[in-house]
PDB file of all heavy atoms in Angstrom:
ATOM      1  N   SER A   1       0.840  -1.194   0.000  1.00  0.00           N
ATOM      2  CA  SER A   1       0.000   0.000   0.000  1.00  0.00           C
ATOM      3  C   SER A   1       0.873   1.240   0.000  1.00  0.00           C
ATOM      4  O   SER A   1       1.844   1.322   0.739  1.00  0.00           O
ATOM      5  CB  SER A   1      -0.898   0.021   1.240  1.00  0.00           C
ATOM      6  OG  SER A   1      -1.760  -1.080   1.217  1.00  0.00           O
ATOM      7  N   MET A   2       0.526   2.193  -0.878  1.00  0.00           N
ATOM      8  CA  MET A   2       1.248   3.461  -0.960  1.00  0.00           C
ATOM      9  C   MET A   2       0.237   4.573  -1.181  1.00  0.00           C
ATOM     10  O   MET A   2      -0.810   4.342  -1.789  1.00  0.00           O
ATOM     11  CB  MET A   2       2.211   3.462  -2.147  1.00  0.00           C
ATOM     12  CG  MET A   2       3.413   2.603  -2.002  1.00  0.00           C
ATOM     13  SD  MET A   2       4.517   2.827  -3.411  1.00  0.00           S
ATOM     14  CE  MET A   2       3.955   1.501  -4.453  1.00  0.00           C
ATOM     15  N   PRO A   3       0.588   5.768  -0.728  1.00  0.00           N
ATOM     16  CA  PRO A   3      -0.285   6.902  -1.036  1.00  0.00           C
ATOM     17  C   PRO A   3      -0.409   7.066  -2.557  1.00  0.00           C
ATOM     18  O   PRO A   3       0.538   6.806  -3.300  1.00  0.00           O
ATOM     19  CB  PRO A   3       0.439   8.103  -0.424  1.00  0.00           C
ATOM     20  CG  PRO A   3       1.405   7.533   0.552  1.00  0.00           C
ATOM     21  CD  PRO A   3       1.759   6.167   0.052  1.00  0.00           C
ATOM     22  N   GLU A   4      -1.571   7.487  -2.995  1.00  0.00           N
ATOM     23  CA  GLU A   4      -1.817   7.650  -4.430  1.00  0.00           C
ATOM     24  C   GLU A   4      -0.803   8.584  -5.077  1.00  0.00           C
ATOM     25  O   GLU A   4      -0.355   8.350  -6.197  1.00  0.00           O
ATOM     26  CB  GLU A   4      -3.236   8.173  -4.663  1.00  0.00           C
ATOM     27  CG  GLU A   4      -3.621   8.195  -6.112  1.00  0.00           C
ATOM     28  CD  GLU A   4      -5.081   8.554  -6.325  1.00  0.00           C
ATOM     29  OE1 GLU A   4      -5.893   8.373  -5.415  1.00  0.00           O
ATOM     30  OE2 GLU A   4      -5.384   9.035  -7.423  1.00  0.00           O
ATOM     31  N   SER A   5      -0.394   9.626  -4.363  1.00  0.00           N
ATOM     32  CA  SER A   5       0.578  10.568  -4.926  1.00  0.00           C
ATOM     33  C   SER A   5       1.919   9.891  -5.200  1.00  0.00           C
ATOM     34  O   SER A   5       2.596  10.208  -6.180  1.00  0.00           O
ATOM     35  CB  SER A   5       0.771  11.767  -3.997  1.00  0.00           C
ATOM     36  OG  SER A   5       1.276  11.346  -2.747  1.00  0.00           O
ATOM     37  N   MET A   6       2.300   8.934  -4.361  1.00  0.00           N
ATOM     38  CA  MET A   6       3.553   8.213  -4.569  1.00  0.00           C
ATOM     39  C   MET A   6       3.441   7.310  -5.797  1.00  0.00           C
ATOM     40  O   MET A   6       4.371   7.244  -6.617  1.00  0.00           O
ATOM     41  CB  MET A   6       3.912   7.381  -3.338  1.00  0.00           C
ATOM     42  CG  MET A   6       5.263   6.713  -3.426  1.00  0.00           C
ATOM     43  SD  MET A   6       5.651   5.720  -1.961  1.00  0.00           S
ATOM     44  CE  MET A   6       5.972   7.015  -0.780  1.00  0.00           C
ATOM     45  N   VAL A   7       2.318   6.635  -5.946  1.00  0.00           N
ATOM     46  CA  VAL A   7       2.100   5.782  -7.117  1.00  0.00           C
ATOM     47  C   VAL A   7       2.118   6.623  -8.383  1.00  0.00           C
ATOM     48  O   VAL A   7       2.735   6.243  -9.388  1.00  0.00           O
ATOM     49  CB  VAL A   7       0.770   5.005  -6.988  1.00  0.00           C
ATOM     50  CG1 VAL A   7       0.475   4.222  -8.266  1.00  0.00           C
ATOM     51  CG2 VAL A   7       0.802   4.066  -5.788  1.00  0.00           C
ATOM     52  N   GLU A   8       1.480   7.777  -8.357  1.00  0.00           N
ATOM     53  CA  GLU A   8       1.474   8.660  -9.524  1.00  0.00           C
ATOM     54  C   GLU A   8       2.887   9.106  -9.881  1.00  0.00           C
ATOM     55  O   GLU A   8       3.269   9.139 -11.051  1.00  0.00           O
ATOM     56  CB  GLU A   8       0.581   9.872  -9.271  1.00  0.00           C
ATOM     57  CG  GLU A   8      -0.890   9.531  -9.236  1.00  0.00           C
ATOM     58  CD  GLU A   8      -1.766  10.681  -8.766  1.00  0.00           C
ATOM     59  OE1 GLU A   8      -1.229  11.745  -8.386  1.00  0.00           O
ATOM     60  OE2 GLU A   8      -2.995  10.511  -8.776  1.00  0.00           O
ATOM     61  N   ASN A   9       3.687   9.433  -8.858  1.00  0.00           N
ATOM     62  CA  ASN A   9       5.069   9.847  -9.092  1.00  0.00           C
ATOM     63  C   ASN A   9       5.866   8.720  -9.719  1.00  0.00           C
ATOM     64  O   ASN A   9       6.617   8.936 -10.686  1.00  0.00           O
ATOM     65  CB  ASN A   9       5.705  10.302  -7.775  1.00  0.00           C
ATOM     66  CG  ASN A   9       7.093  10.833  -7.979  1.00  0.00           C
ATOM     67  OD1 ASN A   9       8.030  10.074  -8.207  1.00  0.00           O
ATOM     68  ND2 ASN A   9       7.235  12.133  -7.884  1.00  0.00           N
ATOM     69  N   ILE A  10       5.693   7.515  -9.210  1.00  0.00           N
ATOM     70  CA  ILE A  10       6.388   6.358  -9.779  1.00  0.00           C
ATOM     71  C   ILE A  10       5.960   6.172 -11.234  1.00  0.00           C
ATOM     72  O   ILE A  10       6.790   5.977 -12.120  1.00  0.00           O
ATOM     73  CB  ILE A  10       6.099   5.090  -8.951  1.00  0.00           C
ATOM     74  CG1 ILE A  10       6.816   5.184  -7.590  1.00  0.00           C
ATOM     75  CG2 ILE A  10       6.547   3.830  -9.691  1.00  0.00           C
ATOM     76  CD1 ILE A  10       6.392   4.112  -6.608  1.00  0.00           C
ATOM     77  N   ASP A  11       4.646   6.216 -11.477  1.00  0.00           N
ATOM     78  CA  ASP A  11       4.143   6.002 -12.837  1.00  0.00           C
ATOM     79  C   ASP A  11       4.648   7.055 -13.812  1.00  0.00           C
ATOM     80  O   ASP A  11       4.890   6.757 -14.976  1.00  0.00           O
ATOM     81  CB  ASP A  11       2.611   5.980 -12.838  1.00  0.00           C
ATOM     82  CG  ASP A  11       2.048   4.703 -12.246  1.00  0.00           C
ATOM     83  OD1 ASP A  11       2.817   3.738 -12.049  1.00  0.00           O
ATOM     84  OD2 ASP A  11       0.832   4.669 -11.972  1.00  0.00           O
ATOM     85  N   GLU A  12       4.834   8.269 -13.357  1.00  0.00           N
ATOM     86  CA  GLU A  12       5.318   9.334 -14.226  1.00  0.00           C
ATOM     87  C   GLU A  12       6.805   9.198 -14.533  1.00  0.00           C
ATOM     88  O   GLU A  12       7.277   9.713 -15.538  1.00  0.00           O
ATOM     89  CB  GLU A  12       5.069  10.696 -13.580  1.00  0.00           C
ATOM     90  CG  GLU A  12       3.607  11.072 -13.508  1.00  0.00           C
ATOM     91  CD  GLU A  12       3.354  12.316 -12.665  1.00  0.00           C
ATOM     92  OE1 GLU A  12       4.337  12.936 -12.197  1.00  0.00           O
ATOM     93  OE2 GLU A  12       2.184  12.656 -12.472  1.00  0.00           O
ATOM     94  N   ASN A  13       7.549   8.486 -13.678  1.00  0.00           N
ATOM     95  CA  ASN A  13       9.005   8.499 -13.807  1.00  0.00           C
ATOM     96  C   ASN A  13       9.691   7.163 -14.066  1.00  0.00           C
ATOM     97  O   ASN A  13      10.863   7.153 -14.426  1.00  0.00           O
ATOM     98  CB  ASN A  13       9.604   9.121 -12.535  1.00  0.00           C
ATOM     99  CG  ASN A  13       9.220  10.572 -12.404  1.00  0.00           C
ATOM    100  OD1 ASN A  13       9.623  11.394 -13.207  1.00  0.00           O
ATOM    101  ND2 ASN A  13       8.410  10.884 -11.409  1.00  0.00           N
ATOM    102  N   TYR A  14       9.018   6.029 -13.922  1.00  0.00           N
ATOM    103  CA  TYR A  14       9.742   4.757 -14.025  1.00  0.00           C
ATOM    104  C   TYR A  14      10.280   4.481 -15.421  1.00  0.00           C
ATOM    105  O   TYR A  14      11.382   3.957 -15.563  1.00  0.00           O
ATOM    106  CB  TYR A  14       8.941   3.570 -13.467  1.00  0.00           C
ATOM    107  CG  TYR A  14       7.805   3.058 -14.309  1.00  0.00           C
ATOM    108  CD1 TYR A  14       8.031   2.124 -15.314  1.00  0.00           C
ATOM    109  CD2 TYR A  14       6.499   3.471 -14.081  1.00  0.00           C
ATOM    110  CE1 TYR A  14       6.986   1.630 -16.074  1.00  0.00           C
ATOM    111  CE2 TYR A  14       5.455   2.980 -14.836  1.00  0.00           C
ATOM    112  CZ  TYR A  14       5.701   2.061 -15.827  1.00  0.00           C
ATOM    113  OH  TYR A  14       4.665   1.570 -16.569  1.00  0.00           O
ATOM    114  N   VAL A  15       9.569   4.857 -16.451  1.00  0.00           N
ATOM    115  CA  VAL A  15      10.065   4.636 -17.816  1.00  0.00           C
ATOM    116  C   VAL A  15      11.285   5.516 -18.079  1.00  0.00           C
ATOM    117  O   VAL A  15      12.291   5.057 -18.623  1.00  0.00           O
ATOM    118  CB  VAL A  15       8.956   4.885 -18.856  1.00  0.00           C
ATOM    119  CG1 VAL A  15       9.529   4.839 -20.276  1.00  0.00           C
ATOM    120  CG2 VAL A  15       7.833   3.869 -18.701  1.00  0.00           C
ATOM    121  N   ALA A  16      11.228   6.760 -17.649  1.00  0.00           N
ATOM    122  CA  ALA A  16      12.359   7.678 -17.831  1.00  0.00           C
ATOM    123  C   ALA A  16      13.595   7.181 -17.082  1.00  0.00           C
ATOM    124  O   ALA A  16      14.721   7.463 -17.496  1.00  0.00           O
ATOM    125  CB  ALA A  16      11.979   9.075 -17.345  1.00  0.00           C
ATOM    126  N   ALA A  17      13.381   6.427 -16.010  1.00  0.00           N
ATOM    127  CA  ALA A  17      14.505   5.888 -15.235  1.00  0.00           C
ATOM    128  C   ALA A  17      15.019   4.574 -15.819  1.00  0.00           C
ATOM    129  O   ALA A  17      15.940   3.972 -15.275  1.00  0.00           O
ATOM    130  CB  ALA A  17      14.079   5.688 -13.781  1.00  0.00           C
ATOM    131  N   GLY A  18      14.421   4.124 -16.924  1.00  0.00           N
ATOM    132  CA  GLY A  18      14.899   2.921 -17.596  1.00  0.00           C
ATOM    133  C   GLY A  18      14.216   1.638 -17.168  1.00  0.00           C
ATOM    134  O   GLY A  18      14.676   0.550 -17.507  1.00  0.00           O
ATOM    135  N   TYR A  19      13.130   1.733 -16.434  1.00  0.00           N
ATOM    136  CA  TYR A  19      12.412   0.544 -15.988  1.00  0.00           C
ATOM    137  C   TYR A  19      11.279   0.219 -16.946  1.00  0.00           C
ATOM    138  O   TYR A  19      10.706   1.102 -17.569  1.00  0.00           O
ATOM    139  CB  TYR A  19      11.853   0.754 -14.574  1.00  0.00           C
ATOM    140  CG  TYR A  19      12.933   0.790 -13.532  1.00  0.00           C
ATOM    141  CD1 TYR A  19      13.480   2.003 -13.123  1.00  0.00           C
ATOM    142  CD2 TYR A  19      13.432  -0.376 -12.987  1.00  0.00           C
ATOM    143  CE1 TYR A  19      14.495   2.047 -12.187  1.00  0.00           C
ATOM    144  CE2 TYR A  19      14.447  -0.338 -12.048  1.00  0.00           C
ATOM    145  CZ  TYR A  19      14.975   0.865 -11.649  1.00  0.00           C
ATOM    146  OH  TYR A  19      15.975   0.901 -10.733  1.00  0.00           O
ATOM    147  N   HIS A  20      10.963  -1.076 -17.034  1.00  0.00           N
ATOM    148  CA  HIS A  20       9.876  -1.516 -17.901  1.00  0.00           C
ATOM    149  C   HIS A  20       8.548  -1.580 -17.163  1.00  0.00           C
ATOM    150  O   HIS A  20       7.503  -1.662 -17.796  1.00  0.00           O
ATOM    151  CB  HIS A  20      10.196  -2.885 -18.504  1.00  0.00           C
ATOM    152  CG  HIS A  20      11.400  -2.852 -19.378  1.00  0.00           C
ATOM    153  ND1 HIS A  20      11.397  -2.265 -20.624  1.00  0.00           N
ATOM    154  CD2 HIS A  20      12.657  -3.301 -19.187  1.00  0.00           C
ATOM    155  CE1 HIS A  20      12.597  -2.368 -21.162  1.00  0.00           C
ATOM    156  NE2 HIS A  20      13.380  -2.985 -20.312  1.00  0.00           N
ATOM    157  N   SER A  21       8.619  -1.569 -15.833  1.00  0.00           N
ATOM    158  CA  SER A  21       7.378  -1.636 -15.062  1.00  0.00           C
ATOM    159  C   SER A  21       7.581  -1.007 -13.690  1.00  0.00           C
ATOM    160  O   SER A  21       8.704  -0.868 -13.207  1.00  0.00           O
ATOM    161  CB  SER A  21       6.919  -3.083 -14.881  1.00  0.00           C
ATOM    162  OG  SER A  21       7.792  -3.764 -13.995  1.00  0.00           O
ATOM    163  N   ARG A  22       6.493  -0.640 -13.085  1.00  0.00           N
ATOM    164  CA  ARG A  22       6.502  -0.113 -11.721  1.00  0.00           C
ATOM    165  C   ARG A  22       7.095  -1.157 -10.769  1.00  0.00           C
ATOM    166  O   ARG A  22       7.878  -0.829  -9.883  1.00  0.00           O
ATOM    167  CB  ARG A  22       5.067   0.213 -11.322  1.00  0.00           C
ATOM    168  CG  ARG A  22       4.921   0.754  -9.940  1.00  0.00           C
ATOM    169  CD  ARG A  22       3.485   0.775  -9.482  1.00  0.00           C
ATOM    170  NE  ARG A  22       2.596   1.494 -10.366  1.00  0.00           N
ATOM    171  CZ  ARG A  22       1.287   1.276 -10.424  1.00  0.00           C
ATOM    172  NH1 ARG A  22       0.717   0.381  -9.664  1.00  0.00           N
ATOM    173  NH2 ARG A  22       0.537   1.971 -11.243  1.00  0.00           N
ATOM    174  N   SER A  23       6.753  -2.417 -10.978  1.00  0.00           N
ATOM    175  CA  SER A  23       7.243  -3.492 -10.104  1.00  0.00           C
ATOM    176  C   SER A  23       8.766  -3.590 -10.121  1.00  0.00           C
ATOM    177  O   SER A  23       9.392  -3.813  -9.078  1.00  0.00           O
ATOM    178  CB  SER A  23       6.646  -4.838 -10.523  1.00  0.00           C
ATOM    179  OG  SER A  23       5.265  -4.841 -10.334  1.00  0.00           O
ATOM    180  N   ASP A  24       9.373  -3.441 -11.299  1.00  0.00           N
ATOM    181  CA  ASP A  24      10.836  -3.495 -11.394  1.00  0.00           C
ATOM    182  C   ASP A  24      11.481  -2.394 -10.558  1.00  0.00           C
ATOM    183  O   ASP A  24      12.458  -2.634  -9.842  1.00  0.00           O
ATOM    184  CB  ASP A  24      11.301  -3.352 -12.846  1.00  0.00           C
ATOM    185  CG  ASP A  24      10.962  -4.555 -13.702  1.00  0.00           C
ATOM    186  OD1 ASP A  24      10.666  -5.632 -13.138  1.00  0.00           O
ATOM    187  OD2 ASP A  24      10.998  -4.416 -14.943  1.00  0.00           O
ATOM    188  N   LEU A  25      10.955  -1.190 -10.655  1.00  0.00           N
ATOM    189  CA  LEU A  25      11.498  -0.071  -9.891  1.00  0.00           C
ATOM    190  C   LEU A  25      11.361  -0.320  -8.390  1.00  0.00           C
ATOM    191  O   LEU A  25      12.320  -0.153  -7.631  1.00  0.00           O
ATOM    192  CB  LEU A  25      10.788   1.226 -10.268  1.00  0.00           C
ATOM    193  CG  LEU A  25      11.324   2.472  -9.575  1.00  0.00           C
ATOM    194  CD1 LEU A  25      11.318   3.637 -10.538  1.00  0.00           C
ATOM    195  CD2 LEU A  25      10.481   2.806  -8.363  1.00  0.00           C
ATOM    196  N   ILE A  26      10.189  -0.761  -7.960  1.00  0.00           N
ATOM    197  CA  ILE A  26       9.950  -1.006  -6.535  1.00  0.00           C
ATOM    198  C   ILE A  26      10.841  -2.136  -6.032  1.00  0.00           C
ATOM    199  O   ILE A  26      11.426  -2.052  -4.952  1.00  0.00           O
ATOM    200  CB  ILE A  26       8.457  -1.294  -6.279  1.00  0.00           C
ATOM    201  CG1 ILE A  26       7.644  -0.017  -6.555  1.00  0.00           C
ATOM    202  CG2 ILE A  26       8.222  -1.796  -4.858  1.00  0.00           C
ATOM    203  CD1 ILE A  26       6.154  -0.217  -6.592  1.00  0.00           C
ATOM    204  N   ARG A  27      10.988  -3.203  -6.824  1.00  0.00           N
ATOM    205  CA  ARG A  27      11.844  -4.326  -6.438  1.00  0.00           C
ATOM    206  C   ARG A  27      13.288  -3.861  -6.249  1.00  0.00           C
ATOM    207  O   ARG A  27      13.946  -4.200  -5.265  1.00  0.00           O
ATOM    208  CB  ARG A  27      11.749  -5.412  -7.508  1.00  0.00           C
ATOM    209  CG  ARG A  27      12.161  -6.760  -7.066  1.00  0.00           C
ATOM    210  CD  ARG A  27      11.855  -7.893  -8.048  1.00  0.00           C
ATOM    211  NE  ARG A  27      11.440  -7.530  -9.384  1.00  0.00           N
ATOM    212  CZ  ARG A  27      10.161  -7.529  -9.819  1.00  0.00           C
ATOM    213  NH1 ARG A  27       9.199  -7.844  -9.006  1.00  0.00           N
ATOM    214  NH2 ARG A  27       9.883  -7.204 -11.065  1.00  0.00           N
ATOM    215  N   ASP A  28      13.801  -3.042  -7.196  1.00  0.00           N
ATOM    216  CA  ASP A  28      15.168  -2.522  -7.064  1.00  0.00           C
ATOM    217  C   ASP A  28      15.309  -1.621  -5.841  1.00  0.00           C
ATOM    218  O   ASP A  28      16.336  -1.662  -5.144  1.00  0.00           O
ATOM    219  CB  ASP A  28      15.583  -1.761  -8.318  1.00  0.00           C
ATOM    220  CG  ASP A  28      16.098  -2.667  -9.413  1.00  0.00           C
ATOM    221  OD1 ASP A  28      16.198  -3.894  -9.194  1.00  0.00           O
ATOM    222  OD2 ASP A  28      16.404  -2.140 -10.503  1.00  0.00           O
TER     223      ASP A  28
END
């Protein structure tokens, strides 16, 4: 569980950071 604002931030930035999915970023 995460605040919606945190999920939105992840969704806006994970591709730019070179990740293929939100899960990959969170796992790292």
